[in-house]
Amino acid sequence: MNKSMAFLLTLVMSLTLVLAACSSGSEGGETTDKPSATSEGGSIAGPIALTFFAPQGKAPLEDNSYTKLIEEKFNVKIKWDLAPGDALVDRRQLLLASGDYPEVFLEGKFTNTDVLNYSKQEIFLPLDDLIDQYGPNIKAMMEKKPYFREAITTPDGKIYALPRLNECYHCTFSQKYWMNKEWLDNVNLPVPTTTDELYTVLKAFKEQDPNKNGKADEIPLTGAPNKNVWNGNIDAFLMNSFIYNDNGKYLMLEDGKVEFAANKEEWKQGLIYMNKLYKEGLIDPAAFTQNDQAVGQLGNREGDELVGSITTALVSYLVDPYDAKKTRHKHWVIVPPLKGPGGVQLAGASQGISEFQFALTNKATEQQQIAAIKIMDYAFSEDGAVRSEWGSDEGVGWLKAAEGEKNMNGEQAKFSTKGLPEQDPDVIRNDSWSLMGPKDLSKELRDLFAVGQDPLAADGYETRLAQATNTYAPYSPQEIYPSGVFIRPEDTDSAAQLTTSIQDYVQSNMAQFIIGSKDIAKDWDAYVKGFDGLNLSRYLDIYSNAIKKE
């Protein structure tokens, strides 16, 4: 009996040691860096752990219902590394500099230069093979929109980061001009079609008391600096009747060659025209200094209306189109691009890509890479884009459109946001990633949704903007310098410095020429000569090299 008992005790102790050894690799029986098990064939059975860097919102992302949908659909468990929105760039730079960065940047606000730098350091992984194998929706988007492929492909021919594709209804042609049709009717003039006709209209606004209050208080044309009001600067619209103005880098493409606009004779003629308007009191002096709040107060003030026209992407800066009780906005109309004295009639155009959101770092394992790219690809599918942006569950942020609900083109819509349960304003929704991470927000995707068909109704403002944009589309230049390009790594520092100095020089001199503190006849040559000191030739070389095909 003693020998038998001793044998049993030895056996029990041996089994205990074996079990202890089997569990010693993971405290608490769980692992954080690898799946806990594999199924037949070696595929992952347990959730794949991933850390996502993203902006901190008002509700916890770990409880977000779209997050939970993603985790279940792609067998992942997401850990969130969050930073306040206004500190997002500083925080991700610190992480990358320290080496303690996550596997995935979901929202990084990376510039083209950032992408080049971090890919050169081999911190960002190339995505091409992953997209080819696991990104059918991303591949389809690159085929459907070649500019998307071009915008994300670096000079070495690879893709290291993904942006949001955002083609909002009114963004493509946003250098617009709006006019008070009630005033036009009161002075018995039509919407102008040329710069000469515009001069006639603005003179009538100033001199013929179109608001009929017996006072000379009318402001024929107002605006605001672009930093305060989107494309609110006076030249954003008007200069395109003389020469193409991209309202940024002042670059043009002519037969594939990069040209600079702001030192040409046509630019000078545009300044002469705007100076004439200003000298005759047709341009609001406040247009060079006021902010968006001042513009809104001016347009929505009680009593007599004071403004006859405004240059801006959105007429809602001036007059409120959302409040059904307010009707002033209804007599404001879009002015199509004007034909200038030389026959120029252009619309400033842009593309729906700016900064990059998503990047995979060298911390990611192969399984993490695959899972991450699949998650991104899902947001480029119709189902994923809708659930990511409008909400994970039908009936909360979106519905299937009812019969008769129409989209932007007047066709039967597929989705709708009308008829949804009224949301408690005190409850923070937490069912989508909203504008976070790469996704398809193309015009085609947006056109699946129902919109108000009356452009003057409170729910029809997007229709109004789309119709205005459609008016501008025929005047797009045949060639447009891409809005997002990869500056060659050796040129990035020079490009940043030269771009800032040249922009400041153009804008400061433009204001002085328009208001008359500089004489165009006397000071133009010195202004043009000044670009030599700013190294304009180097500036053009840099931006020419950026779009050259290797």
Protein backbone atom coordinates (compact mmCIF):
# COMPACT_ATOMS: atom_id res chain seq x y z
CA MET A 1 0.00 0.00 0.00
CA ASN A 2 2.81 2.45 0.86
CA LYS A 3 4.52 1.77 -2.47
CA SER A 4 1.23 2.20 -4.36
CA MET A 5 0.47 5.48 -2.60
CA ALA A 6 3.95 6.79 -3.34
CA PHE A 7 3.56 5.93 -7.03
CA LEU A 8 0.20 7.73 -7.23
CA LEU A 9 1.58 10.82 -5.52
CA THR A 10 4.50 10.89 -7.95
CA LEU A 11 2.15 10.57 -10.90
CA VAL A 12 -0.11 13.41 -9.70
CA MET A 13 2.85 15.68 -9.10
CA SER A 14 4.23 14.96 -12.58
CA LEU A 15 0.90 15.77 -14.22
CA THR A 16 0.68 18.99 -12.24
CA LEU A 17 4.13 20.07 -13.43
CA VAL A 18 3.24 19.31 -17.06
CA LEU A 19 0.03 21.36 -16.85
CA ALA A 20 1.88 24.22 -15.18
CA ALA A 21 4.52 24.18 -17.92
CA CYS A 22 1.82 24.24 -20.61
CA SER A 23 0.20 27.34 -19.12
CA SER A 24 3.36 29.25 -18.18
CA GLY A 25 3.56 31.07 -21.52
CA SER A 26 0.59 33.30 -20.73
CA GLU A 27 -0.31 34.86 -17.44
CA GLY A 28 -3.96 34.37 -16.69
CA GLY A 29 -4.27 31.93 -19.61
CA GLU A 30 -4.43 34.75 -22.25
CA THR A 31 -2.00 36.26 -24.71
CA THR A 32 -1.99 39.80 -26.01
CA ASP A 33 0.34 39.56 -28.98
CA LYS A 34 -0.76 36.34 -30.67
CA PRO A 35 -4.00 34.45 -31.19
CA SER A 36 -4.62 31.83 -28.56
CA ALA A 37 -5.28 28.94 -30.94
CA THR A 38 -5.25 27.84 -34.54
CA SER A 39 -7.87 25.95 -36.42
CA GLU A 40 -7.33 23.18 -38.97
CA GLY A 41 -4.98 24.19 -41.75
CA GLY A 42 -3.16 26.64 -39.49
CA SER A 43 -5.59 29.59 -39.84
CA ILE A 44 -6.14 31.86 -36.85
CA ALA A 45 -9.01 30.88 -34.57
CA GLY A 46 -8.72 33.42 -31.74
CA PRO A 47 -9.07 37.20 -32.17
CA ILE A 48 -6.10 39.03 -33.68
CA ALA A 49 -4.99 41.82 -31.35
CA LEU A 50 -4.43 45.19 -33.07
CA THR A 51 -3.63 48.64 -31.71
CA PHE A 52 -5.18 51.54 -33.65
CA PHE A 53 -4.06 55.15 -33.28
CA ALA A 54 -6.99 57.54 -33.68
CA PRO A 55 -8.49 60.82 -32.45
CA GLN A 56 -10.34 60.84 -29.16
CA GLY A 57 -14.06 61.46 -29.52
CA LYS A 58 -16.91 62.16 -27.14
CA ALA A 59 -17.74 58.45 -26.75
CA PRO A 60 -15.42 55.47 -26.13
CA LEU A 61 -14.39 53.79 -29.36
CA GLU A 62 -14.15 50.38 -27.71
CA ASP A 63 -17.93 50.57 -27.14
CA ASN A 64 -18.65 51.90 -30.63
CA SER A 65 -21.05 49.60 -32.46
CA TYR A 66 -19.13 49.90 -35.76
CA THR A 67 -15.98 48.91 -33.87
CA LYS A 68 -17.80 45.85 -32.55
CA LEU A 69 -19.07 45.05 -36.05
CA ILE A 70 -15.50 45.19 -37.38
CA GLU A 71 -14.14 43.08 -34.53
CA GLU A 72 -16.71 40.35 -35.11
CA LYS A 73 -16.55 40.46 -38.90
CA PHE A 74 -12.75 40.28 -39.12
CA ASN A 75 -11.95 38.33 -35.96
CA VAL A 76 -9.92 41.09 -34.33
CA LYS A 77 -9.70 42.80 -30.98
CA ILE A 78 -8.83 46.48 -31.27
CA LYS A 79 -6.95 48.35 -28.58
CA TRP A 80 -7.22 52.12 -28.99
CA ASP A 81 -4.36 54.58 -28.63
CA LEU A 82 -6.14 57.93 -28.66
CA ALA A 83 -5.10 61.57 -28.81
CA PRO A 84 -7.18 64.79 -28.68
CA GLY A 85 -8.00 66.02 -32.16
CA ASP A 86 -6.06 69.26 -31.78
CA ALA A 87 -2.99 67.33 -30.57
CA LEU A 88 -3.23 64.41 -32.98
CA VAL A 89 -0.27 65.37 -35.17
CA ASP A 90 2.01 66.21 -32.24
CA ARG A 91 1.18 62.93 -30.50
CA ARG A 92 1.75 60.71 -33.52
CA GLN A 93 5.05 62.46 -34.22
CA LEU A 94 6.18 61.77 -30.66
CA LEU A 95 5.18 58.11 -30.98
CA LEU A 96 7.05 57.69 -34.24
CA ALA A 97 10.14 59.50 -32.93
CA SER A 98 10.22 57.38 -29.77
CA GLY A 99 9.82 54.08 -31.60
CA ASP A 100 6.87 53.20 -29.37
CA TYR A 101 4.19 53.35 -32.05
CA PRO A 102 1.24 51.02 -32.76
CA GLU A 103 0.72 48.57 -35.59
CA VAL A 104 -1.94 50.73 -37.26
CA PHE A 105 -2.48 54.43 -37.74
CA LEU A 106 -6.19 54.69 -38.53
CA GLU A 107 -6.18 58.48 -38.59
CA GLY A 108 -2.77 60.11 -38.81
CA LYS A 109 -3.17 63.29 -40.90
CA PHE A 110 -0.03 62.37 -42.80
CA THR A 111 1.15 64.66 -45.57
CA ASN A 112 2.76 63.35 -48.73
CA THR A 113 6.12 64.31 -47.24
CA ASP A 114 5.35 62.38 -44.05
CA VAL A 115 4.55 59.28 -46.08
CA LEU A 116 7.81 59.54 -48.01
CA ASN A 117 9.88 60.07 -44.86
CA TYR A 118 8.40 57.20 -42.86
CA SER A 119 8.47 54.81 -45.80
CA LYS A 120 12.12 55.68 -46.40
CA GLN A 121 12.81 54.87 -42.74
CA GLU A 122 10.96 51.56 -43.31
CA ILE A 123 8.50 52.42 -40.53
CA PHE A 124 5.56 52.35 -42.95
CA LEU A 125 5.06 49.08 -44.78
CA PRO A 126 4.26 48.93 -48.51
CA LEU A 127 0.63 48.02 -49.07
CA ASP A 128 0.69 46.98 -52.72
CA ASP A 129 0.79 43.20 -52.24
CA LEU A 130 -1.75 43.35 -49.43
CA ILE A 131 -4.14 45.39 -51.58
CA ASP A 132 -3.60 43.06 -54.51
CA GLN A 133 -4.47 39.98 -52.42
CA TYR A 134 -6.94 41.30 -49.84
CA GLY A 135 -8.22 44.68 -51.12
CA PRO A 136 -10.63 44.12 -54.04
CA ASN A 137 -12.64 47.26 -53.26
CA ILE A 138 -9.55 49.46 -53.04
CA LYS A 139 -8.32 47.98 -56.34
CA ALA A 140 -11.70 48.68 -57.96
CA MET A 141 -11.59 52.29 -56.77
CA MET A 142 -8.13 52.77 -58.27
CA GLU A 143 -9.47 51.47 -61.59
CA LYS A 144 -12.60 53.62 -61.45
CA LYS A 145 -10.76 56.79 -60.45
CA PRO A 146 -7.24 56.91 -61.89
CA TYR A 147 -6.48 60.12 -59.99
CA PHE A 148 -6.94 58.14 -56.77
CA ARG A 149 -4.26 55.67 -57.82
CA GLU A 150 -1.94 58.49 -58.87
CA ALA A 151 -2.47 60.38 -55.62
CA ILE A 152 -1.50 57.42 -53.41
CA THR A 153 1.42 56.10 -55.48
CA THR A 154 4.82 57.37 -54.36
CA PRO A 155 7.69 58.14 -56.76
CA ASP A 156 9.11 54.64 -56.22
CA GLY A 157 5.87 53.20 -57.59
CA LYS A 158 4.58 51.87 -54.27
CA ILE A 159 1.65 52.62 -51.95
CA TYR A 160 2.44 53.18 -48.27
CA ALA A 161 -0.70 54.92 -46.96
CA LEU A 162 -4.38 55.39 -47.77
CA PRO A 163 -6.51 58.55 -47.70
CA ARG A 164 -10.22 59.12 -47.54
CA LEU A 165 -11.75 59.56 -50.98
CA ASN A 166 -14.10 62.45 -50.37
CA GLU A 167 -15.97 63.90 -53.34
CA CYS A 168 -18.48 66.16 -51.65
CA TYR A 169 -21.22 67.65 -53.81
CA HIS A 170 -19.78 71.13 -53.81
CA CYS A 171 -16.05 70.68 -53.25
CA THR A 172 -14.76 69.99 -56.75
CA PHE A 173 -15.57 73.50 -58.00
CA SER A 174 -15.64 75.57 -54.84
CA GLN A 175 -14.34 78.95 -56.07
CA LYS A 176 -17.88 80.22 -56.52
CA TYR A 177 -19.71 83.55 -56.68
CA TRP A 178 -23.24 84.22 -55.37
CA MET A 179 -25.51 87.18 -56.12
CA ASN A 180 -28.66 88.79 -54.73
CA LYS A 181 -31.31 88.15 -57.42
CA GLU A 182 -33.82 90.43 -55.68
CA TRP A 183 -31.41 93.31 -56.15
CA LEU A 184 -30.84 92.35 -59.79
CA ASP A 185 -34.59 92.50 -60.35
CA ASN A 186 -34.80 95.85 -58.58
CA VAL A 187 -32.16 97.38 -60.89
CA ASN A 188 -33.63 95.55 -63.91
CA LEU A 189 -30.48 93.64 -64.83
CA PRO A 190 -29.84 89.92 -65.55
CA VAL A 191 -27.23 87.70 -63.93
CA PRO A 192 -23.93 88.88 -65.46
CA THR A 193 -22.05 86.68 -67.93
CA THR A 194 -18.95 88.82 -68.54
CA THR A 195 -16.62 90.97 -66.45
CA ASP A 196 -18.02 94.08 -68.17
CA GLU A 197 -21.56 93.07 -67.26
CA LEU A 198 -20.47 92.45 -63.67
CA TYR A 199 -19.07 95.97 -63.48
CA THR A 200 -22.42 97.32 -64.70
CA VAL A 201 -24.31 95.27 -62.09
CA LEU A 202 -22.08 96.31 -59.18
CA LYS A 203 -22.34 99.99 -60.19
CA ALA A 204 -26.13 99.66 -60.21
CA PHE A 205 -26.05 98.01 -56.79
CA LYS A 206 -24.07 100.96 -55.44
CA GLU A 207 -25.98 103.79 -57.10
CA GLN A 208 -29.60 102.68 -57.63
CA ASP A 209 -30.67 101.85 -54.06
CA PRO A 210 -31.57 98.19 -54.72
CA ASN A 211 -32.64 97.61 -51.09
CA LYS A 212 -35.05 100.57 -51.46
CA ASN A 213 -34.40 102.19 -48.09
CA GLY A 214 -33.36 105.57 -49.44
CA LYS A 215 -29.82 105.21 -48.07
CA ALA A 216 -26.50 104.67 -49.81
CA ASP A 217 -25.68 101.73 -47.53
CA GLU A 218 -25.35 98.91 -50.10
CA ILE A 219 -22.23 96.74 -50.30
CA PRO A 220 -22.03 95.55 -53.93
CA LEU A 221 -19.40 92.82 -53.37
CA THR A 222 -17.99 91.37 -50.15
CA GLY A 223 -15.77 88.47 -49.18
CA ALA A 224 -13.20 87.48 -46.56
CA PRO A 225 -9.68 86.04 -46.37
CA ASN A 226 -9.56 82.39 -47.45
CA LYS A 227 -8.32 81.34 -43.99
CA ASN A 228 -11.60 82.66 -42.52
CA VAL A 229 -14.14 81.89 -45.26
CA TRP A 230 -13.67 79.05 -47.74
CA ASN A 231 -12.59 80.69 -51.03
CA GLY A 232 -13.80 84.02 -49.70
CA ASN A 233 -10.85 85.98 -51.10
CA ILE A 234 -11.86 88.37 -53.87
CA ASP A 235 -9.53 86.90 -56.49
CA ALA A 236 -10.64 83.27 -55.99
CA PHE A 237 -13.48 83.68 -58.48
CA LEU A 238 -12.66 86.86 -60.40
CA MET A 239 -9.11 86.05 -61.48
CA ASN A 240 -10.38 83.02 -63.41
CA SER A 241 -11.83 85.41 -65.99
CA PHE A 242 -8.27 86.45 -66.88
CA ILE A 243 -6.01 83.48 -66.13
CA TYR A 244 -6.35 80.22 -64.23
CA ASN A 245 -6.15 80.70 -60.47
CA ASP A 246 -5.93 77.57 -58.32
CA ASN A 247 -6.14 79.79 -55.23
CA GLY A 248 -3.17 78.11 -53.59
CA LYS A 249 0.10 77.39 -55.32
CA TYR A 250 -0.73 79.49 -58.43
CA LEU A 251 0.30 76.64 -60.73
CA MET A 252 -1.10 75.84 -64.17
CA LEU A 253 -0.53 72.96 -66.58
CA GLU A 254 -0.19 73.73 -70.26
CA ASP A 255 0.52 70.73 -72.48
CA GLY A 256 1.94 68.97 -69.45
CA LYS A 257 4.30 71.82 -68.58
CA VAL A 258 4.05 73.48 -65.17
CA GLU A 259 3.57 77.25 -65.41
CA PHE A 260 3.24 79.98 -62.78
CA ALA A 261 0.19 82.23 -63.05
CA ALA A 262 0.81 85.12 -60.68
CA ASN A 263 3.54 86.87 -62.71
CA LYS A 264 1.86 86.78 -66.11
CA GLU A 265 0.39 89.71 -68.03
CA GLU A 266 -3.09 88.18 -67.71
CA TRP A 267 -2.71 88.21 -63.91
CA LYS A 268 -1.81 91.89 -64.11
CA GLN A 269 -4.98 92.57 -66.12
CA GLY A 270 -7.03 90.79 -63.49
CA LEU A 271 -5.52 92.98 -60.78
CA ILE A 272 -6.24 96.12 -62.84
CA TYR A 273 -9.89 95.05 -63.10
CA MET A 274 -10.23 94.37 -59.36
CA ASN A 275 -8.46 97.65 -58.56
CA LYS A 276 -11.03 99.45 -60.71
CA LEU A 277 -13.86 97.83 -58.76
CA TYR A 278 -12.25 98.78 -55.47
CA LYS A 279 -11.50 102.38 -56.43
CA GLU A 280 -15.14 102.90 -57.37
CA GLY A 281 -16.36 101.56 -54.03
CA LEU A 282 -17.74 98.30 -55.44
CA ILE A 283 -15.62 95.98 -53.26
CA ASP A 284 -16.11 95.95 -49.50
CA PRO A 285 -12.87 97.10 -47.78
CA ALA A 286 -13.66 94.63 -44.97
CA ALA A 287 -13.32 91.77 -47.47
CA PHE A 288 -9.56 91.76 -46.81
CA THR A 289 -9.81 91.38 -43.04
CA GLN A 290 -13.19 90.14 -41.76
CA ASN A 291 -13.90 86.66 -40.41
CA ASP A 292 -16.77 84.24 -40.93
CA GLN A 293 -18.74 85.55 -37.95
CA ALA A 294 -18.65 89.09 -39.33
CA VAL A 295 -19.86 87.83 -42.71
CA GLY A 296 -22.75 85.95 -41.10
CA GLN A 297 -23.78 88.94 -39.01
CA LEU A 298 -23.70 91.12 -42.12
CA GLY A 299 -25.89 88.77 -44.13
CA ASN A 300 -28.40 87.74 -41.45
CA ARG A 301 -28.87 91.13 -39.79
CA GLU A 302 -32.36 92.33 -39.01
CA GLY A 303 -33.82 94.99 -41.24
CA ASP A 304 -32.61 96.07 -44.65
CA GLU A 305 -30.36 93.75 -46.62
CA LEU A 306 -26.94 95.28 -47.29
CA VAL A 307 -25.02 92.83 -49.49
CA GLY A 308 -25.35 92.38 -53.24
CA SER A 309 -22.84 89.58 -53.90
CA ILE A 310 -20.18 87.45 -52.23
CA THR A 311 -17.30 85.30 -53.39
CA THR A 312 -17.26 82.02 -51.42
CA ALA A 313 -17.82 78.30 -51.81
CA LEU A 314 -20.89 78.36 -49.57
CA VAL A 315 -23.61 81.02 -49.61
CA SER A 316 -24.48 79.78 -46.09
CA TYR A 317 -21.55 81.81 -44.75
CA LEU A 318 -23.68 84.88 -45.52
CA VAL A 319 -27.33 83.81 -45.30
CA ASP A 320 -28.90 80.94 -43.34
CA PRO A 321 -30.47 78.29 -45.63
CA TYR A 322 -31.33 75.81 -42.87
CA ASP A 323 -33.89 77.71 -40.81
CA ALA A 324 -37.27 77.29 -42.51
CA LYS A 325 -38.43 80.55 -40.88
CA LYS A 326 -35.73 82.54 -42.69
CA THR A 327 -36.32 83.25 -46.37
CA ARG A 328 -33.60 85.76 -47.30
CA HIS A 329 -31.39 83.04 -48.74
CA LYS A 330 -34.02 82.12 -51.34
CA HIS A 331 -33.26 85.06 -53.61
CA TRP A 332 -29.54 84.34 -53.78
CA VAL A 333 -28.36 82.69 -57.01
CA ILE A 334 -25.11 81.27 -58.35
CA VAL A 335 -23.16 83.29 -60.91
CA PRO A 336 -21.45 81.03 -63.49
CA PRO A 337 -17.83 81.75 -64.44
CA LEU A 338 -17.58 85.09 -66.24
CA LYS A 339 -15.95 85.60 -69.62
CA GLY A 340 -13.11 88.08 -69.40
CA PRO A 341 -11.90 90.59 -72.00
CA GLY A 342 -9.52 88.00 -73.46
CA GLY A 343 -12.19 85.30 -73.69
CA VAL A 344 -10.94 83.43 -70.60
CA GLN A 345 -13.76 81.74 -68.66
CA LEU A 346 -12.52 79.17 -66.15
CA ALA A 347 -13.55 77.51 -62.89
CA GLY A 348 -11.09 76.70 -60.12
CA ALA A 349 -11.04 72.92 -59.64
CA SER A 350 -9.76 70.53 -56.98
CA GLN A 351 -9.67 66.78 -56.28
CA GLY A 352 -11.13 64.86 -53.35
CA ILE A 353 -7.85 63.84 -51.72
CA SER A 354 -5.65 65.78 -49.34
CA GLU A 355 -3.92 64.07 -46.42
CA PHE A 356 -3.41 60.39 -45.64
CA GLN A 357 -5.15 58.66 -42.73
CA PHE A 358 -4.13 54.99 -42.68
CA ALA A 359 -0.67 53.44 -42.49
CA LEU A 360 0.67 50.06 -41.37
CA THR A 361 3.89 50.10 -39.37
CA ASN A 362 6.71 47.59 -39.14
CA LYS A 363 5.34 46.50 -35.75
CA ALA A 364 2.53 44.60 -37.50
CA THR A 365 2.80 40.84 -37.98
CA GLU A 366 1.67 39.25 -41.21
CA GLN A 367 -1.71 38.30 -39.71
CA GLN A 368 -2.18 41.82 -38.34
CA GLN A 369 -1.35 43.31 -41.73
CA ILE A 370 -3.91 41.13 -43.47
CA ALA A 371 -6.61 41.89 -40.91
CA ALA A 372 -5.95 45.64 -41.06
CA ILE A 373 -6.08 45.88 -44.85
CA LYS A 374 -9.30 43.86 -44.91
CA ILE A 375 -10.85 46.32 -42.45
CA MET A 376 -9.81 49.24 -44.64
CA ASP A 377 -11.03 47.52 -47.79
CA TYR A 378 -14.44 46.94 -46.21
CA ALA A 379 -14.84 50.73 -45.83
CA PHE A 380 -14.37 51.03 -49.61
CA SER A 381 -17.31 48.71 -50.21
CA GLU A 382 -20.82 50.12 -50.39
CA ASP A 383 -21.95 48.31 -47.24
CA GLY A 384 -18.83 49.21 -45.29
CA ALA A 385 -18.81 52.84 -46.35
CA VAL A 386 -22.46 53.32 -45.36
CA ARG A 387 -22.04 51.63 -41.99
CA SER A 388 -18.72 53.33 -41.25
CA GLU A 389 -20.00 56.82 -42.04
CA TRP A 390 -23.73 56.78 -41.26
CA GLY A 391 -23.95 54.04 -38.63
CA SER A 392 -23.55 50.31 -38.18
CA ASP A 393 -27.26 49.57 -37.85
CA GLU A 394 -30.06 50.24 -40.27
CA GLY A 395 -32.77 52.34 -38.68
CA VAL A 396 -30.43 54.42 -36.50
CA GLY A 397 -28.32 56.53 -38.86
CA TRP A 398 -29.79 55.45 -42.21
CA LEU A 399 -32.67 53.59 -43.81
CA LYS A 400 -33.44 51.86 -47.07
CA ALA A 401 -34.99 54.58 -49.21
CA ALA A 402 -38.75 54.42 -49.70
CA GLU A 403 -40.24 54.28 -53.17
CA GLY A 404 -40.21 57.76 -54.65
CA GLU A 405 -37.33 59.13 -52.60
CA LYS A 406 -34.88 60.62 -55.08
CA ASN A 407 -31.14 61.17 -55.11
CA MET A 408 -29.11 64.15 -56.30
CA ASN A 409 -29.82 63.28 -59.93
CA GLY A 410 -33.57 62.95 -59.46
CA GLU A 411 -33.37 59.15 -59.62
CA GLN A 412 -34.67 56.57 -57.14
CA ALA A 413 -32.38 56.60 -54.10
CA LYS A 414 -31.11 53.48 -52.36
CA PHE A 415 -30.59 54.92 -48.88
CA SER A 416 -32.16 57.72 -46.89
CA THR A 417 -31.77 59.61 -43.64
CA LYS A 418 -35.38 60.80 -43.63
CA GLY A 419 -37.89 59.26 -41.26
CA LEU A 420 -35.34 58.24 -38.68
CA PRO A 421 -36.36 58.30 -35.00
CA GLU A 422 -35.70 61.66 -33.43
CA GLN A 423 -32.40 61.62 -31.59
CA ASP A 424 -32.13 62.78 -27.99
CA PRO A 425 -29.78 65.79 -28.19
CA ASP A 426 -28.29 64.83 -24.83
CA VAL A 427 -27.33 61.35 -26.02
CA ILE A 428 -24.04 61.03 -27.88
CA ARG A 429 -24.28 58.65 -30.80
CA ASN A 430 -21.62 55.98 -30.87
CA ASP A 431 -22.52 53.81 -33.85
CA SER A 432 -20.12 54.95 -36.61
CA TRP A 433 -16.55 56.04 -37.21
CA SER A 434 -17.92 59.08 -39.05
CA LEU A 435 -15.11 61.02 -40.73
CA MET A 436 -12.38 58.74 -39.42
CA GLY A 437 -10.13 56.50 -41.46
CA PRO A 438 -10.02 55.80 -45.21
CA LYS A 439 -13.32 55.07 -46.92
CA ASP A 440 -15.34 55.59 -50.06
CA LEU A 441 -17.16 58.91 -49.92
CA SER A 442 -17.14 59.31 -53.69
CA LYS A 443 -19.84 61.12 -55.62
CA GLU A 444 -21.22 57.74 -56.68
CA LEU A 445 -21.58 56.63 -53.06
CA ARG A 446 -23.16 59.92 -52.00
CA ASP A 447 -25.58 59.72 -54.92
CA LEU A 448 -27.09 56.57 -53.40
CA PHE A 449 -28.72 58.74 -50.71
CA ALA A 450 -31.98 60.63 -50.96
CA VAL A 451 -31.80 64.40 -50.79
CA GLY A 452 -34.38 67.16 -50.73
CA GLN A 453 -35.33 67.96 -54.31
CA ASP A 454 -36.27 71.59 -53.68
CA PRO A 455 -32.93 73.44 -53.58
CA LEU A 456 -34.46 76.31 -51.63
CA ALA A 457 -36.00 74.15 -48.90
CA ALA A 458 -34.27 73.63 -45.57
CA ASP A 459 -33.46 70.00 -46.49
CA GLY A 460 -32.37 70.84 -50.03
CA TYR A 461 -29.21 72.88 -49.46
CA GLU A 462 -26.94 70.05 -50.69
CA THR A 463 -29.02 69.91 -53.87
CA ARG A 464 -28.56 73.63 -54.29
CA LEU A 465 -24.79 73.33 -53.93
CA ALA A 466 -24.66 70.38 -56.33
CA GLN A 467 -26.61 72.28 -58.95
CA ALA A 468 -24.26 75.23 -58.54
CA THR A 469 -21.26 72.91 -58.90
CA ASN A 470 -22.74 71.41 -62.06
CA THR A 471 -22.97 74.93 -63.47
CA TYR A 472 -19.21 75.35 -63.02
CA ALA A 473 -18.11 71.93 -64.31
CA PRO A 474 -18.12 72.83 -68.04
CA TYR A 475 -15.55 75.56 -67.36
CA SER A 476 -12.92 73.31 -65.81
CA PRO A 477 -9.44 73.58 -67.33
CA GLN A 478 -8.48 70.61 -69.48
CA GLU A 479 -5.36 70.14 -67.34
CA ILE A 480 -5.19 70.69 -63.59
CA TYR A 481 -2.10 70.44 -61.44
CA PRO A 482 -2.85 67.61 -58.96
CA SER A 483 -3.94 68.83 -55.54
CA GLY A 484 -1.81 66.23 -53.77
CA VAL A 485 1.63 65.31 -55.13
CA PHE A 486 4.70 63.59 -53.72
CA ILE A 487 7.55 66.05 -53.60
CA ARG A 488 10.85 64.24 -54.06
CA PRO A 489 12.49 63.62 -50.68
CA GLU A 490 15.50 65.79 -51.47
CA ASP A 491 13.16 68.70 -52.30
CA THR A 492 10.77 68.60 -49.35
CA ASP A 493 12.45 71.23 -47.16
CA SER A 494 12.93 73.63 -50.07
CA ALA A 495 9.35 73.07 -51.25
CA ALA A 496 7.87 73.93 -47.85
CA GLN A 497 9.95 77.10 -47.52
CA LEU A 498 9.46 78.31 -51.09
CA THR A 499 5.73 77.56 -51.17
CA THR A 500 5.09 79.58 -48.03
CA SER A 501 7.22 82.55 -49.06
CA ILE A 502 5.78 82.69 -52.61
CA GLN A 503 2.19 82.39 -51.38
CA ASP A 504 2.72 85.18 -48.85
CA TYR A 505 4.37 87.38 -51.50
CA VAL A 506 1.55 86.89 -54.03
CA GLN A 507 -1.23 87.46 -51.51
CA SER A 508 0.25 90.51 -49.80
CA ASN A 509 1.05 92.21 -53.13
CA MET A 510 -2.34 91.30 -54.54
CA ALA A 511 -4.12 93.05 -51.68
CA GLN A 512 -1.90 96.12 -52.10
CA PHE A 513 -2.50 96.28 -55.86
CA ILE A 514 -6.27 95.90 -55.45
CA ILE A 515 -6.71 98.54 -52.74
CA GLY A 516 -4.20 100.85 -54.45
CA SER A 517 -1.43 101.14 -51.88
CA LYS A 518 0.79 99.87 -54.71
CA ASP A 519 0.45 101.35 -58.20
CA ILE A 520 0.11 98.58 -60.79
CA ALA A 521 1.50 100.74 -63.58
CA LYS A 522 4.58 101.73 -61.57
CA ASP A 523 5.18 98.74 -59.31
CA TRP A 524 4.31 95.72 -61.49
CA ASP A 525 7.80 95.22 -62.92
CA ALA A 526 9.38 95.36 -59.46
CA TYR A 527 6.79 92.83 -58.25
CA VAL A 528 7.68 90.42 -61.07
CA LYS A 529 11.39 90.94 -60.46
CA GLY A 530 10.84 90.06 -56.80
CA PHE A 531 10.16 86.43 -57.72
CA ASP A 532 13.82 86.07 -58.69
CA GLY A 533 14.79 86.68 -55.08
CA LEU A 534 12.23 84.10 -54.00
CA ASN A 535 13.81 81.49 -56.30
CA LEU A 536 10.70 80.97 -58.43
CA SER A 537 12.64 78.88 -60.95
CA ARG A 538 13.54 76.39 -58.21
CA TYR A 539 9.90 76.36 -57.06
CA LEU A 540 8.74 75.44 -60.57
CA ASP A 541 11.45 72.79 -60.93
CA ILE A 542 10.35 71.12 -57.70
CA TYR A 543 6.68 70.97 -58.70
CA SER A 544 7.57 69.90 -62.23
CA ASN A 545 9.72 67.05 -60.94
CA ALA A 546 6.92 65.97 -58.60
CA ILE A 547 4.65 65.02 -61.50
CA LYS A 548 7.28 63.65 -63.86
CA LYS A 549 6.90 59.97 -64.60
CA GLU A 550 10.04 57.97 -63.92
